[in-house]
Amino acid sequence: MRALLDTGGNYELLLTPQAVTHLGLEKEFKEAKILSGGGYAGQQEIRLGHVSRLSIGSFTANAPDVVFATFGKDSPFKLAEGGLGTFFLKDFVITFDYRHKLIALRK
């Protein structure tokens, strides 16, 4: 799944409807608590829930909190199916290698 590193996102993991379908998380989506919220893309309905685990390379987070959300047409999330927010990223040193188009996460 293609995901953004959202250094301004106050969440652990964000998943769009496309990611829910792609990852087969319809049950988790339906069980999530419905709320309303707002942000960069304006006012929207969101759902707060969990997935069993999140794996990125060799890193695994068990039962991370998930925000299920949709975004407007001008949102950067139109380029990705999800986002890793500050609650996830806080545990890593992140290195950007622009020359080689790589991002490294290190504990």
N, C-alpha and C. Protein backbone atom coordinates (compact mmCIF):
# COMPACT_ATOMS: atom_id res chain seq x y z
N MET A 1 0.84 -1.17 0.00
CA MET A 1 0.00 0.00 0.00
C MET A 1 0.89 1.24 0.00
N ARG A 2 0.53 2.23 -0.73
CA ARG A 2 1.25 3.49 -0.76
C ARG A 2 0.72 4.36 0.38
N ALA A 3 1.64 4.85 1.24
CA ALA A 3 1.24 5.67 2.39
C ALA A 3 2.10 6.92 2.47
N LEU A 4 1.50 7.97 3.02
CA LEU A 4 2.21 9.22 3.26
C LEU A 4 2.81 9.21 4.65
N LEU A 5 3.90 9.90 4.84
CA LEU A 5 4.42 10.19 6.18
C LEU A 5 3.82 11.54 6.55
N ASP A 6 2.86 11.52 7.44
CA ASP A 6 2.09 12.72 7.78
C ASP A 6 2.59 13.28 9.11
N THR A 7 3.60 14.13 9.04
CA THR A 7 4.22 14.67 10.25
C THR A 7 3.31 15.65 11.00
N GLY A 8 2.17 15.99 10.42
CA GLY A 8 1.21 16.84 11.11
C GLY A 8 -0.04 16.08 11.52
N GLY A 9 -0.07 14.78 11.27
CA GLY A 9 -1.25 13.97 11.57
C GLY A 9 -1.22 13.41 12.98
N ASN A 10 -2.20 13.76 13.78
CA ASN A 10 -2.27 13.26 15.16
C ASN A 10 -3.00 11.92 15.20
N TYR A 11 -2.38 10.93 14.62
CA TYR A 11 -2.90 9.57 14.59
C TYR A 11 -1.73 8.63 14.39
N GLU A 12 -2.00 7.34 14.55
CA GLU A 12 -0.99 6.33 14.31
C GLU A 12 -1.03 5.89 12.84
N LEU A 13 -2.21 5.46 12.41
CA LEU A 13 -2.40 4.98 11.05
C LEU A 13 -3.71 5.52 10.51
N LEU A 14 -3.70 6.00 9.30
CA LEU A 14 -4.92 6.46 8.62
C LEU A 14 -5.11 5.59 7.39
N LEU A 15 -6.34 5.13 7.19
CA LEU A 15 -6.65 4.33 6.01
C LEU A 15 -7.83 4.93 5.27
N THR A 16 -7.71 5.03 3.96
CA THR A 16 -8.79 5.52 3.10
C THR A 16 -9.70 4.34 2.73
N PRO A 17 -10.87 4.63 2.16
CA PRO A 17 -11.75 3.54 1.71
C PRO A 17 -11.05 2.59 0.72
N GLN A 18 -10.18 3.14 -0.12
CA GLN A 18 -9.44 2.30 -1.06
C GLN A 18 -8.54 1.31 -0.32
N ALA A 19 -7.91 1.76 0.77
CA ALA A 19 -7.06 0.87 1.55
C ALA A 19 -7.88 -0.20 2.26
N VAL A 20 -9.05 0.19 2.77
CA VAL A 20 -9.93 -0.78 3.43
C VAL A 20 -10.24 -1.93 2.48
N THR A 21 -10.61 -1.59 1.25
CA THR A 21 -10.92 -2.61 0.24
C THR A 21 -9.67 -3.40 -0.14
N HIS A 22 -8.60 -2.70 -0.43
CA HIS A 22 -7.33 -3.32 -0.85
C HIS A 22 -6.82 -4.32 0.19
N LEU A 23 -6.95 -3.98 1.48
CA LEU A 23 -6.41 -4.80 2.57
C LEU A 23 -7.44 -5.74 3.18
N GLY A 24 -8.68 -5.71 2.70
CA GLY A 24 -9.71 -6.59 3.23
C GLY A 24 -10.10 -6.28 4.67
N LEU A 25 -10.20 -4.98 5.00
CA LEU A 25 -10.49 -4.56 6.37
C LEU A 25 -11.92 -4.06 6.56
N GLU A 26 -12.85 -4.58 5.77
CA GLU A 26 -14.24 -4.13 5.86
C GLU A 26 -14.83 -4.36 7.25
N LYS A 27 -14.52 -5.49 7.89
CA LYS A 27 -15.04 -5.78 9.23
C LYS A 27 -14.53 -4.75 10.24
N GLU A 28 -13.25 -4.45 10.21
CA GLU A 28 -12.67 -3.46 11.12
C GLU A 28 -13.27 -2.08 10.89
N PHE A 29 -13.51 -1.75 9.64
CA PHE A 29 -14.13 -0.47 9.30
C PHE A 29 -15.54 -0.38 9.89
N LYS A 30 -16.33 -1.42 9.70
CA LYS A 30 -17.72 -1.41 10.20
C LYS A 30 -17.78 -1.36 11.72
N GLU A 31 -16.79 -1.94 12.40
CA GLU A 31 -16.77 -1.96 13.87
C GLU A 31 -16.23 -0.67 14.48
N ALA A 32 -15.63 0.18 13.67
CA ALA A 32 -15.02 1.42 14.17
C ALA A 32 -16.09 2.43 14.60
N LYS A 33 -15.73 3.23 15.59
CA LYS A 33 -16.64 4.25 16.13
C LYS A 33 -16.72 5.44 15.17
N ILE A 34 -17.94 5.88 14.85
CA ILE A 34 -18.16 6.99 13.92
C ILE A 34 -18.07 8.32 14.67
N LEU A 35 -17.28 9.22 14.14
CA LEU A 35 -17.12 10.58 14.67
C LEU A 35 -17.12 11.56 13.51
N SER A 36 -17.13 12.84 13.83
CA SER A 36 -16.93 13.84 12.79
C SER A 36 -15.68 14.61 13.15
N GLY A 37 -14.97 15.04 12.15
CA GLY A 37 -13.73 15.76 12.39
C GLY A 37 -13.41 16.68 11.25
N GLY A 38 -12.30 17.37 11.37
CA GLY A 38 -11.89 18.28 10.31
C GLY A 38 -10.38 18.40 10.30
N GLY A 39 -9.88 18.91 9.22
CA GLY A 39 -8.44 19.07 9.07
C GLY A 39 -8.14 19.74 7.75
N TYR A 40 -7.01 19.41 7.18
CA TYR A 40 -6.53 19.99 5.94
C TYR A 40 -7.60 19.96 4.83
N ALA A 41 -8.31 18.84 4.74
CA ALA A 41 -9.27 18.67 3.66
C ALA A 41 -10.69 19.08 4.06
N GLY A 42 -10.85 19.74 5.20
CA GLY A 42 -12.17 20.21 5.62
C GLY A 42 -12.88 19.25 6.55
N GLN A 43 -14.16 19.52 6.77
CA GLN A 43 -15.00 18.71 7.66
C GLN A 43 -15.30 17.36 7.02
N GLN A 44 -15.32 16.30 7.83
CA GLN A 44 -15.57 14.97 7.29
C GLN A 44 -16.01 14.02 8.39
N GLU A 45 -16.62 12.92 7.97
CA GLU A 45 -16.93 11.84 8.90
C GLU A 45 -15.71 10.94 8.96
N ILE A 46 -15.33 10.57 10.17
CA ILE A 46 -14.21 9.65 10.35
C ILE A 46 -14.67 8.52 11.25
N ARG A 47 -13.92 7.45 11.25
CA ARG A 47 -14.17 6.32 12.14
C ARG A 47 -12.87 6.01 12.86
N LEU A 48 -12.97 5.71 14.15
CA LEU A 48 -11.81 5.33 14.95
C LEU A 48 -11.91 3.86 15.30
N GLY A 49 -10.86 3.13 15.02
CA GLY A 49 -10.87 1.69 15.29
C GLY A 49 -9.47 1.14 15.43
N HIS A 50 -9.34 -0.15 15.19
CA HIS A 50 -8.07 -0.85 15.31
C HIS A 50 -7.95 -1.87 14.17
N VAL A 51 -6.73 -2.24 13.86
CA VAL A 51 -6.45 -3.40 13.02
C VAL A 51 -5.55 -4.31 13.84
N SER A 52 -5.45 -5.56 13.47
CA SER A 52 -4.69 -6.51 14.28
C SER A 52 -3.19 -6.18 14.34
N ARG A 53 -2.64 -5.72 13.21
CA ARG A 53 -1.23 -5.34 13.22
C ARG A 53 -0.89 -4.49 12.00
N LEU A 54 0.20 -3.78 12.13
CA LEU A 54 0.73 -2.95 11.05
C LEU A 54 2.18 -3.36 10.87
N SER A 55 2.54 -3.79 9.66
CA SER A 55 3.92 -4.18 9.38
C SER A 55 4.48 -3.29 8.29
N ILE A 56 5.67 -2.77 8.57
CA ILE A 56 6.41 -1.97 7.60
C ILE A 56 7.83 -2.51 7.61
N GLY A 57 8.21 -3.17 6.54
CA GLY A 57 9.52 -3.81 6.52
C GLY A 57 9.62 -4.79 7.68
N SER A 58 10.64 -4.66 8.51
CA SER A 58 10.83 -5.57 9.64
C SER A 58 10.14 -5.09 10.91
N PHE A 59 9.47 -3.94 10.86
CA PHE A 59 8.80 -3.39 12.04
C PHE A 59 7.33 -3.81 12.06
N THR A 60 6.86 -4.19 13.25
CA THR A 60 5.46 -4.56 13.42
C THR A 60 4.90 -3.87 14.65
N ALA A 61 3.73 -3.28 14.49
CA ALA A 61 2.98 -2.69 15.62
C ALA A 61 1.72 -3.52 15.80
N ASN A 62 1.50 -4.02 17.01
CA ASN A 62 0.32 -4.82 17.29
C ASN A 62 -0.85 -3.94 17.68
N ALA A 63 -2.02 -4.20 17.07
CA ALA A 63 -3.28 -3.50 17.34
C ALA A 63 -3.15 -1.98 17.33
N PRO A 64 -2.60 -1.40 16.27
CA PRO A 64 -2.50 0.06 16.23
C PRO A 64 -3.88 0.72 16.09
N ASP A 65 -4.00 1.92 16.65
CA ASP A 65 -5.21 2.71 16.46
C ASP A 65 -5.26 3.16 15.00
N VAL A 66 -6.45 3.15 14.43
CA VAL A 66 -6.62 3.52 13.03
C VAL A 66 -7.72 4.56 12.89
N VAL A 67 -7.45 5.55 12.07
CA VAL A 67 -8.46 6.51 11.64
C VAL A 67 -8.84 6.10 10.23
N PHE A 68 -10.12 5.78 10.03
CA PHE A 68 -10.65 5.50 8.70
C PHE A 68 -11.29 6.81 8.22
N ALA A 69 -10.84 7.33 7.10
CA ALA A 69 -11.33 8.64 6.66
C ALA A 69 -11.33 8.76 5.14
N THR A 70 -12.17 9.68 4.66
CA THR A 70 -12.16 10.06 3.25
C THR A 70 -11.70 11.51 3.19
N PHE A 71 -11.22 11.92 2.05
CA PHE A 71 -10.70 13.27 1.91
C PHE A 71 -11.18 13.91 0.63
N GLY A 72 -11.15 15.22 0.60
CA GLY A 72 -11.56 15.98 -0.58
C GLY A 72 -10.61 15.81 -1.74
N LYS A 73 -11.03 16.30 -2.89
CA LYS A 73 -10.25 16.10 -4.12
C LYS A 73 -8.90 16.81 -4.10
N ASP A 74 -8.72 17.83 -3.26
CA ASP A 74 -7.45 18.54 -3.21
C ASP A 74 -6.50 18.01 -2.14
N SER A 75 -6.88 16.95 -1.48
CA SER A 75 -6.06 16.39 -0.41
C SER A 75 -4.85 15.65 -0.97
N PRO A 76 -3.72 15.68 -0.25
CA PRO A 76 -2.57 14.89 -0.70
C PRO A 76 -2.85 13.39 -0.63
N PHE A 77 -3.88 12.99 0.10
CA PHE A 77 -4.19 11.57 0.21
C PHE A 77 -4.75 10.98 -1.08
N LYS A 78 -5.02 11.81 -2.07
CA LYS A 78 -5.45 11.25 -3.36
C LYS A 78 -4.30 10.47 -4.01
N LEU A 79 -3.08 10.70 -3.55
CA LEU A 79 -1.91 10.01 -4.08
C LEU A 79 -1.57 8.73 -3.32
N ALA A 80 -2.26 8.49 -2.19
CA ALA A 80 -1.91 7.35 -1.35
C ALA A 80 -3.17 6.74 -0.77
N GLU A 81 -3.03 5.55 -0.23
CA GLU A 81 -4.15 4.84 0.38
C GLU A 81 -4.17 5.00 1.90
N GLY A 82 -3.14 5.60 2.44
CA GLY A 82 -3.09 5.75 3.88
C GLY A 82 -2.00 6.70 4.31
N GLY A 83 -1.88 6.83 5.62
CA GLY A 83 -0.87 7.71 6.18
C GLY A 83 -0.35 7.18 7.49
N LEU A 84 0.91 7.45 7.74
CA LEU A 84 1.53 7.16 9.03
C LEU A 84 1.68 8.49 9.74
N GLY A 85 1.00 8.64 10.86
CA GLY A 85 0.99 9.90 11.58
C GLY A 85 2.03 9.96 12.68
N THR A 86 1.99 11.06 13.41
CA THR A 86 3.00 11.32 14.44
C THR A 86 3.00 10.29 15.56
N PHE A 87 1.84 9.70 15.88
CA PHE A 87 1.81 8.71 16.95
C PHE A 87 2.56 7.45 16.57
N PHE A 88 2.70 7.18 15.28
CA PHE A 88 3.53 6.07 14.81
C PHE A 88 4.98 6.52 14.63
N LEU A 89 5.17 7.66 13.96
CA LEU A 89 6.51 8.12 13.59
C LEU A 89 7.38 8.51 14.79
N LYS A 90 6.77 8.84 15.93
CA LYS A 90 7.53 9.30 17.11
C LYS A 90 8.54 8.28 17.60
N ASP A 91 8.37 7.02 17.26
CA ASP A 91 9.26 5.97 17.73
C ASP A 91 10.44 5.71 16.79
N PHE A 92 10.58 6.52 15.74
CA PHE A 92 11.60 6.26 14.74
C PHE A 92 12.48 7.48 14.47
N VAL A 93 13.69 7.19 14.02
CA VAL A 93 14.54 8.19 13.39
C VAL A 93 14.30 8.00 11.90
N ILE A 94 13.95 9.07 11.22
CA ILE A 94 13.61 8.98 9.80
C ILE A 94 14.72 9.66 8.99
N THR A 95 15.24 8.93 8.01
CA THR A 95 16.27 9.47 7.14
C THR A 95 15.73 9.54 5.71
N PHE A 96 15.85 10.71 5.12
CA PHE A 96 15.43 10.91 3.73
C PHE A 96 16.67 10.96 2.85
N ASP A 97 16.76 10.06 1.90
CA ASP A 97 17.85 10.03 0.93
C ASP A 97 17.25 10.47 -0.41
N TYR A 98 17.23 11.78 -0.62
CA TYR A 98 16.60 12.32 -1.82
C TYR A 98 17.29 11.85 -3.09
N ARG A 99 18.60 11.75 -3.05
CA ARG A 99 19.36 11.37 -4.25
C ARG A 99 18.93 9.99 -4.75
N HIS A 100 18.71 9.04 -3.82
CA HIS A 100 18.34 7.68 -4.20
C HIS A 100 16.85 7.39 -4.04
N LYS A 101 16.08 8.43 -3.67
CA LYS A 101 14.63 8.30 -3.50
C LYS A 101 14.27 7.21 -2.50
N LEU A 102 14.93 7.26 -1.32
CA LEU A 102 14.71 6.29 -0.26
C LEU A 102 14.35 7.00 1.04
N ILE A 103 13.53 6.32 1.83
CA ILE A 103 13.22 6.76 3.18
C ILE A 103 13.53 5.59 4.10
N ALA A 104 14.30 5.83 5.16
CA ALA A 104 14.65 4.78 6.10
C ALA A 104 14.07 5.10 7.46
N LEU A 105 13.42 4.11 8.07
CA LEU A 105 12.93 4.23 9.44
C LEU A 105 13.85 3.38 10.32
N ARG A 106 14.31 3.97 11.42
CA ARG A 106 15.21 3.26 12.34
C ARG A 106 14.72 3.51 13.75
N LYS A 107 14.67 2.46 14.57
CA LYS A 107 14.25 2.57 15.97
C LYS A 107 15.33 3.25 16.78
